[in-house]
Amino acid sequence: MEPDTLSHPAPAQHFEREHHLLDTQLHAHLLDVIEGDFTAALQRLAAWRTALARHIEIENTLLLPHVPEGARWAARVYLLEHDRIALLADEYLERVRAAAAQPAAPGRARNAAILALVDSAHALRHVIEHHHEREHAALAHELPQALQEAAWGAA
């Protein structure tokens, strides 16, 4: 008999859903960058940054205070990672803002600007990916499902 995923969601379901939404937004932004549409890229990135801030706030205030003793990683590990992600996101946002303010003419200069933005997004994406993996592997299993449902349901 298969478990009823509606009444008993998989432990990482809430985190996976929330992370997927953020990843989808960032992916759409990067497609705008690759197309050289820096104005649209900036708009999408700003929306993603707002969603990221809300996501981090939910985790920091509603979930991380409940990390149990003996958890695989202490709450401070997640908090430090959130700080690092926010810093990288803000730095990247400034780069995209600068590209949108002074877009290069089509050709090699524009392609170089596109490549520079893709390269600068790499560190941010790498940290986010590892952070999400940590949350899926541990935090989602260590926090009570009712607490996760309440936190993400409010979102």
Protein backbone atom coordinates (compact mmCIF):
# COMPACT_ATOMS: atom_id res chain seq x y z
CA MET A 1 0.00 0.00 0.00
CA GLU A 2 1.39 3.40 -0.99
CA PRO A 3 1.41 6.24 1.53
CA ASP A 4 -1.22 8.94 1.09
CA THR A 5 0.93 11.94 0.12
CA LEU A 6 -1.94 14.38 0.62
CA SER A 7 -2.51 13.56 4.28
CA HIS A 8 1.07 12.43 4.98
CA PRO A 9 3.47 14.41 2.78
CA ALA A 10 7.00 13.17 2.22
CA PRO A 11 9.34 14.77 4.76
CA ALA A 12 11.11 17.03 2.25
CA GLN A 13 8.00 17.92 0.26
CA HIS A 14 7.55 21.43 1.66
CA PHE A 15 11.18 22.38 1.24
CA GLU A 16 11.34 20.87 -2.24
CA ARG A 17 8.25 22.79 -3.35
CA GLU A 18 9.50 26.10 -1.98
CA HIS A 19 12.99 25.61 -3.38
CA HIS A 20 11.57 24.62 -6.76
CA LEU A 21 9.61 27.87 -6.92
CA LEU A 22 12.74 29.90 -6.20
CA ASP A 23 14.84 27.88 -8.65
CA THR A 24 12.25 28.36 -11.38
CA GLN A 25 12.32 32.13 -10.90
CA LEU A 26 16.12 32.25 -10.99
CA HIS A 27 16.18 30.05 -14.08
CA ALA A 28 13.77 32.40 -15.90
CA HIS A 29 16.00 35.33 -14.94
CA LEU A 30 19.07 33.57 -16.35
CA LEU A 31 17.24 32.93 -19.63
CA ASP A 32 16.63 36.69 -19.85
CA VAL A 33 20.33 37.27 -19.24
CA ILE A 34 21.30 34.83 -21.98
CA GLU A 35 18.89 36.58 -24.35
CA GLY A 36 20.59 39.87 -23.48
CA ASP A 37 17.37 41.37 -22.12
CA PHE A 38 18.90 43.02 -19.07
CA THR A 39 15.76 45.02 -18.24
CA ALA A 40 13.62 41.89 -18.01
CA ALA A 41 16.47 40.08 -16.24
CA LEU A 42 16.60 42.82 -13.61
CA GLN A 43 12.83 42.74 -13.07
CA ARG A 44 12.81 38.96 -12.65
CA LEU A 45 15.84 39.01 -10.39
CA ALA A 46 14.31 41.70 -8.18
CA ALA A 47 11.15 39.59 -7.84
CA TRP A 48 13.28 36.52 -7.07
CA ARG A 49 15.26 38.48 -4.46
CA THR A 50 12.03 39.52 -2.75
CA ALA A 51 10.81 35.90 -2.75
CA LEU A 52 14.20 34.75 -1.44
CA ALA A 53 14.07 37.26 1.42
CA ARG A 54 10.59 36.04 2.35
CA HIS A 55 11.75 32.41 2.16
CA ILE A 56 14.75 33.09 4.40
CA GLU A 57 12.59 35.03 6.86
CA ILE A 58 10.16 32.09 7.17
CA GLU A 59 12.97 29.64 7.77
CA ASN A 60 14.82 31.91 10.21
CA THR A 61 11.79 32.85 12.29
CA LEU A 62 9.35 29.95 12.02
CA LEU A 63 11.50 26.87 11.45
CA LEU A 64 15.09 27.24 12.63
CA PRO A 65 14.19 28.09 16.23
CA HIS A 66 12.81 24.53 16.39
CA VAL A 67 15.90 22.63 15.21
CA PRO A 68 16.19 19.87 17.80
CA GLU A 69 19.22 19.12 19.94
CA GLY A 70 21.36 16.56 18.22
CA ALA A 71 20.27 17.62 14.72
CA ARG A 72 22.70 16.84 11.94
CA TRP A 73 23.45 20.58 11.58
CA ALA A 74 22.79 23.26 14.17
CA ALA A 75 20.46 26.13 13.33
CA ARG A 76 23.43 28.50 13.17
CA VAL A 77 24.77 26.61 10.13
CA TYR A 78 21.58 27.37 8.22
CA LEU A 79 21.55 30.97 9.50
CA LEU A 80 25.13 31.52 8.30
CA GLU A 81 24.27 30.03 4.93
CA HIS A 82 21.24 32.30 4.67
CA ASP A 83 23.48 35.30 5.37
CA ARG A 84 25.95 34.15 2.70
CA ILE A 85 23.17 33.56 0.15
CA ALA A 86 21.66 36.99 0.84
CA LEU A 87 25.05 38.67 0.44
CA LEU A 88 25.78 36.88 -2.84
CA ALA A 89 22.26 37.63 -4.10
CA ASP A 90 22.64 41.33 -3.32
CA GLU A 91 26.05 41.49 -5.00
CA TYR A 92 24.68 39.76 -8.07
CA LEU A 93 21.63 42.04 -8.12
CA GLU A 94 23.97 45.04 -8.25
CA ARG A 95 25.82 43.55 -11.24
CA VAL A 96 22.56 42.98 -13.09
CA ARG A 97 21.36 46.48 -12.16
CA ALA A 98 24.57 47.93 -13.64
CA ALA A 99 24.17 45.90 -16.85
CA ALA A 100 20.57 47.06 -17.21
CA ALA A 101 21.56 50.69 -16.62
CA GLN A 102 24.21 50.63 -19.37
CA PRO A 103 23.51 47.81 -21.79
CA ALA A 104 26.29 47.05 -24.25
CA ALA A 105 25.66 47.32 -27.97
CA PRO A 106 24.90 44.04 -29.75
CA GLY A 107 27.95 42.03 -30.65
CA ARG A 108 31.05 40.95 -28.78
CA ALA A 109 30.70 43.51 -25.97
CA ARG A 110 27.11 42.43 -25.27
CA ASN A 111 28.12 38.76 -25.35
CA ALA A 112 30.93 39.53 -22.90
CA ALA A 113 28.44 41.28 -20.59
CA ILE A 114 26.13 38.28 -20.78
CA LEU A 115 28.97 35.88 -20.01
CA ALA A 116 30.12 38.03 -17.08
CA LEU A 117 26.64 37.89 -15.54
CA VAL A 118 26.31 34.14 -16.06
CA ASP A 119 29.74 33.66 -14.47
CA SER A 120 28.87 35.91 -11.53
CA ALA A 121 25.64 33.97 -10.93
CA HIS A 122 27.60 30.72 -10.66
CA ALA A 123 28.81 31.16 -7.06
CA LEU A 124 25.33 32.15 -5.92
CA ARG A 125 23.74 29.14 -7.60
CA HIS A 126 26.40 26.81 -6.18
CA VAL A 127 25.84 27.96 -2.59
CA ILE A 128 22.06 27.77 -3.01
CA GLU A 129 22.26 24.25 -4.44
CA HIS A 130 24.31 22.94 -1.54
CA HIS A 131 22.12 24.74 0.99
CA HIS A 132 18.97 23.21 -0.51
CA GLU A 133 20.55 19.76 -0.45
CA ARG A 134 21.40 20.19 3.24
CA GLU A 135 17.82 21.22 4.03
CA HIS A 136 16.32 18.36 2.02
CA ALA A 137 18.66 15.76 3.55
CA ALA A 138 18.40 16.84 7.17
CA LEU A 139 16.22 19.77 8.19
CA ALA A 140 13.11 18.54 6.39
CA HIS A 141 13.35 15.26 8.30
CA GLU A 142 14.22 16.77 11.67
CA LEU A 143 11.40 19.30 11.97
CA PRO A 144 7.85 18.17 12.71
CA GLN A 145 5.66 18.02 9.61
CA ALA A 146 2.93 20.06 11.32
CA LEU A 147 5.44 22.87 11.93
CA GLN A 148 6.56 22.79 8.28
CA GLU A 149 2.97 22.81 7.06
CA ALA A 150 2.15 25.76 9.29
CA ALA A 151 5.24 27.72 8.18
CA TRP A 152 4.96 27.04 4.46
CA GLY A 153 1.17 27.11 4.50
CA ALA A 154 1.37 30.67 5.77
CA ALA A 155 3.60 31.42 2.80
